[in-house]
Amino acid sequence: LCAGITGGPTTSAATSYSVTHEDDAWHGDLDKSAWGCVKVTQIENYKGFIFGNWDPTAPSFTDYLADMAWYFDVFADRFDNGLEMVGGMHKWVLNCNWKAPAEH
């Protein structure tokens, strides 16, 4: 999915898009004309979660999940009123070897 400047997500290739922290990260040096969005060929809504795939020959998301769908369903269906996913950035600074958080 690609979020255009004037609207929400789109499945079509776009020439204008927003970049998070563009001024801070690129200092005005990002040439947007050299970049673009890639069209998402498959989009599936599974229990309110949106999944996209760029490969038109890939199996559907539900086919790909197969027997693992049970585990996803246990998570997604655990509350009568559904889940609310809260966006935003999560950042932690850990004074340790870089592999320690991933391994433990």
C-alpha atoms as a PDB file:
ATOM      1  CA  LEU A   1       0.000   0.000   0.000  1.00  0.00           C
ATOM      2  CA  CYS A   2       1.148   3.506  -0.666  1.00  0.00           C
ATOM      3  CA  ALA A   3      -0.148   6.527   1.207  1.00  0.00           C
ATOM      4  CA  GLY A   4      -0.548   9.432  -1.161  1.00  0.00           C
ATOM      5  CA  ILE A   5      -0.185  13.056  -0.100  1.00  0.00           C
ATOM      6  CA  THR A   6      -3.815  13.871  -0.859  1.00  0.00           C
ATOM      7  CA  GLY A   7      -5.468  10.737   0.454  1.00  0.00           C
ATOM      8  CA  GLY A   8      -5.249   7.400   2.127  1.00  0.00           C
ATOM      9  CA  PRO A   9      -3.782   4.118   0.951  1.00  0.00           C
ATOM     10  CA  THR A  10      -3.953   3.328  -2.734  1.00  0.00           C
ATOM     11  CA  THR A  11      -3.218   0.234  -4.798  1.00  0.00           C
ATOM     12  CA  SER A  12      -2.145   2.188  -7.857  1.00  0.00           C
ATOM     13  CA  ALA A  13       1.347   3.391  -8.590  1.00  0.00           C
ATOM     14  CA  ALA A  14       1.694   6.939  -7.355  1.00  0.00           C
ATOM     15  CA  THR A  15       4.117   9.722  -8.124  1.00  0.00           C
ATOM     16  CA  SER A  16       3.583  11.746  -4.951  1.00  0.00           C
ATOM     17  CA  TYR A  17       3.850  10.347  -1.476  1.00  0.00           C
ATOM     18  CA  SER A  18       4.802  11.373   2.025  1.00  0.00           C
ATOM     19  CA  VAL A  19       8.024  10.392   3.755  1.00  0.00           C
ATOM     20  CA  THR A  20       8.140  10.187   7.542  1.00  0.00           C
ATOM     21  CA  HIS A  21      10.550  12.772   8.986  1.00  0.00           C
ATOM     22  CA  GLU A  22      11.555  13.773   5.461  1.00  0.00           C
ATOM     23  CA  ASP A  23      13.158  17.084   6.409  1.00  0.00           C
ATOM     24  CA  ASP A  24      15.073  15.634   9.349  1.00  0.00           C
ATOM     25  CA  ALA A  25      16.203  12.488   7.562  1.00  0.00           C
ATOM     26  CA  TRP A  26      16.895  13.789   4.060  1.00  0.00           C
ATOM     27  CA  HIS A  27      17.664  17.480   4.700  1.00  0.00           C
ATOM     28  CA  GLY A  28      15.922  18.441   1.450  1.00  0.00           C
ATOM     29  CA  ASP A  29      18.024  16.043  -0.658  1.00  0.00           C
ATOM     30  CA  LEU A  30      15.366  13.415  -1.432  1.00  0.00           C
ATOM     31  CA  ASP A  31      14.519  13.372  -5.137  1.00  0.00           C
ATOM     32  CA  LYS A  32      10.974  11.982  -5.071  1.00  0.00           C
ATOM     33  CA  SER A  33      10.861  11.810  -8.865  1.00  0.00           C
ATOM     34  CA  ALA A  34      13.491   9.039  -8.701  1.00  0.00           C
ATOM     35  CA  TRP A  35      11.313   6.934  -6.407  1.00  0.00           C
ATOM     36  CA  GLY A  36       7.747   5.745  -6.531  1.00  0.00           C
ATOM     37  CA  CYS A  37       5.249   3.366  -5.060  1.00  0.00           C
ATOM     38  CA  VAL A  38       4.953  -0.221  -6.173  1.00  0.00           C
ATOM     39  CA  LYS A  39       1.457  -1.412  -7.010  1.00  0.00           C
ATOM     40  CA  VAL A  40       0.111  -3.957  -4.539  1.00  0.00           C
ATOM     41  CA  THR A  41      -1.369  -6.793  -6.585  1.00  0.00           C
ATOM     42  CA  GLN A  42      -3.185  -8.610  -3.769  1.00  0.00           C
ATOM     43  CA  ILE A  43      -4.900  -7.079  -0.745  1.00  0.00           C
ATOM     44  CA  GLU A  44      -6.804  -9.101   1.825  1.00  0.00           C
ATOM     45  CA  ASN A  45      -8.655  -8.097   4.978  1.00  0.00           C
ATOM     46  CA  TYR A  46      -8.359 -10.868   7.551  1.00  0.00           C
ATOM     47  CA  LYS A  47     -10.194 -10.171  10.815  1.00  0.00           C
ATOM     48  CA  GLY A  48      -9.655  -6.444  10.355  1.00  0.00           C
ATOM     49  CA  PHE A  49      -5.930  -6.732   9.592  1.00  0.00           C
ATOM     50  CA  ILE A  50      -4.931  -5.599   6.100  1.00  0.00           C
ATOM     51  CA  PHE A  51      -2.323  -7.676   4.279  1.00  0.00           C
ATOM     52  CA  GLY A  52      -0.793  -6.752   0.936  1.00  0.00           C
ATOM     53  CA  ASN A  53       1.407  -8.696  -1.463  1.00  0.00           C
ATOM     54  CA  TRP A  54       3.373  -7.460  -4.469  1.00  0.00           C
ATOM     55  CA  ASP A  55       3.551 -10.913  -6.096  1.00  0.00           C
ATOM     56  CA  PRO A  56       0.500 -11.538  -8.316  1.00  0.00           C
ATOM     57  CA  THR A  57       1.274 -15.286  -8.431  1.00  0.00           C
ATOM     58  CA  ALA A  58       1.486 -15.753  -4.648  1.00  0.00           C
ATOM     59  CA  PRO A  59      -1.256 -17.663  -2.842  1.00  0.00           C
ATOM     60  CA  SER A  60      -3.931 -15.687  -1.013  1.00  0.00           C
ATOM     61  CA  PHE A  61      -3.211 -14.749   2.582  1.00  0.00           C
ATOM     62  CA  THR A  62      -5.707 -17.274   3.961  1.00  0.00           C
ATOM     63  CA  ASP A  63      -4.223 -20.043   1.794  1.00  0.00           C
ATOM     64  CA  TYR A  64      -0.741 -19.049   2.962  1.00  0.00           C
ATOM     65  CA  LEU A  65      -1.823 -19.140   6.630  1.00  0.00           C
ATOM     66  CA  ALA A  66      -3.291 -22.641   6.252  1.00  0.00           C
ATOM     67  CA  ASP A  67      -3.132 -24.415   9.642  1.00  0.00           C
ATOM     68  CA  MET A  68      -1.481 -21.379  11.278  1.00  0.00           C
ATOM     69  CA  ALA A  69      -4.782 -19.481  10.926  1.00  0.00           C
ATOM     70  CA  TRP A  70      -5.895 -21.080  14.196  1.00  0.00           C
ATOM     71  CA  TYR A  71      -3.121 -19.246  16.090  1.00  0.00           C
ATOM     72  CA  PHE A  72      -3.941 -15.953  14.414  1.00  0.00           C
ATOM     73  CA  ASP A  73      -7.624 -16.435  15.220  1.00  0.00           C
ATOM     74  CA  VAL A  74      -6.871 -17.100  18.903  1.00  0.00           C
ATOM     75  CA  PHE A  75      -5.107 -13.736  19.051  1.00  0.00           C
ATOM     76  CA  ALA A  76      -7.603 -11.770  16.954  1.00  0.00           C
ATOM     77  CA  ASP A  77     -10.758 -13.224  18.519  1.00  0.00           C
ATOM     78  CA  ARG A  78      -9.742 -13.096  22.175  1.00  0.00           C
ATOM     79  CA  PHE A  79     -12.001 -10.160  23.125  1.00  0.00           C
ATOM     80  CA  ASP A  80     -15.744  -9.838  22.478  1.00  0.00           C
ATOM     81  CA  ASN A  81     -15.364  -6.199  21.385  1.00  0.00           C
ATOM     82  CA  GLY A  82     -12.391  -6.924  19.137  1.00  0.00           C
ATOM     83  CA  LEU A  83      -8.898  -5.474  19.289  1.00  0.00           C
ATOM     84  CA  GLU A  84      -7.762  -1.904  18.942  1.00  0.00           C
ATOM     85  CA  MET A  85      -4.314  -1.502  17.477  1.00  0.00           C
ATOM     86  CA  VAL A  86      -2.670   1.724  18.557  1.00  0.00           C
ATOM     87  CA  GLY A  87      -0.082   3.042  16.143  1.00  0.00           C
ATOM     88  CA  GLY A  88       2.995   5.029  16.835  1.00  0.00           C
ATOM     89  CA  MET A  89       6.658   4.478  17.307  1.00  0.00           C
ATOM     90  CA  HIS A  90       8.159   2.367  20.060  1.00  0.00           C
ATOM     91  CA  LYS A  91      11.790   3.019  20.855  1.00  0.00           C
ATOM     92  CA  TRP A  92      14.051   1.539  23.504  1.00  0.00           C
ATOM     93  CA  VAL A  93      17.690   2.229  24.304  1.00  0.00           C
ATOM     94  CA  LEU A  94      19.378  -0.777  25.879  1.00  0.00           C
ATOM     95  CA  ASN A  95      22.909  -0.720  27.203  1.00  0.00           C
ATOM     96  CA  CYS A  96      23.838  -4.217  26.032  1.00  0.00           C
ATOM     97  CA  ASN A  97      25.229  -6.267  23.195  1.00  0.00           C
ATOM     98  CA  TRP A  98      23.043  -5.671  20.115  1.00  0.00           C
ATOM     99  CA  LYS A  99      22.102  -9.374  19.907  1.00  0.00           C
ATOM    100  CA  ALA A 100      20.916  -9.713  23.522  1.00  0.00           C
ATOM    101  CA  PRO A 101      17.348  -8.363  23.018  1.00  0.00           C
ATOM    102  CA  ALA A 102      16.763 -10.629  20.020  1.00  0.00           C
ATOM    103  CA  GLU A 103      18.187 -13.731  21.667  1.00  0.00           C
ATOM    104  CA  HIS A 104      16.529 -13.441  25.076  1.00  0.00           C
END
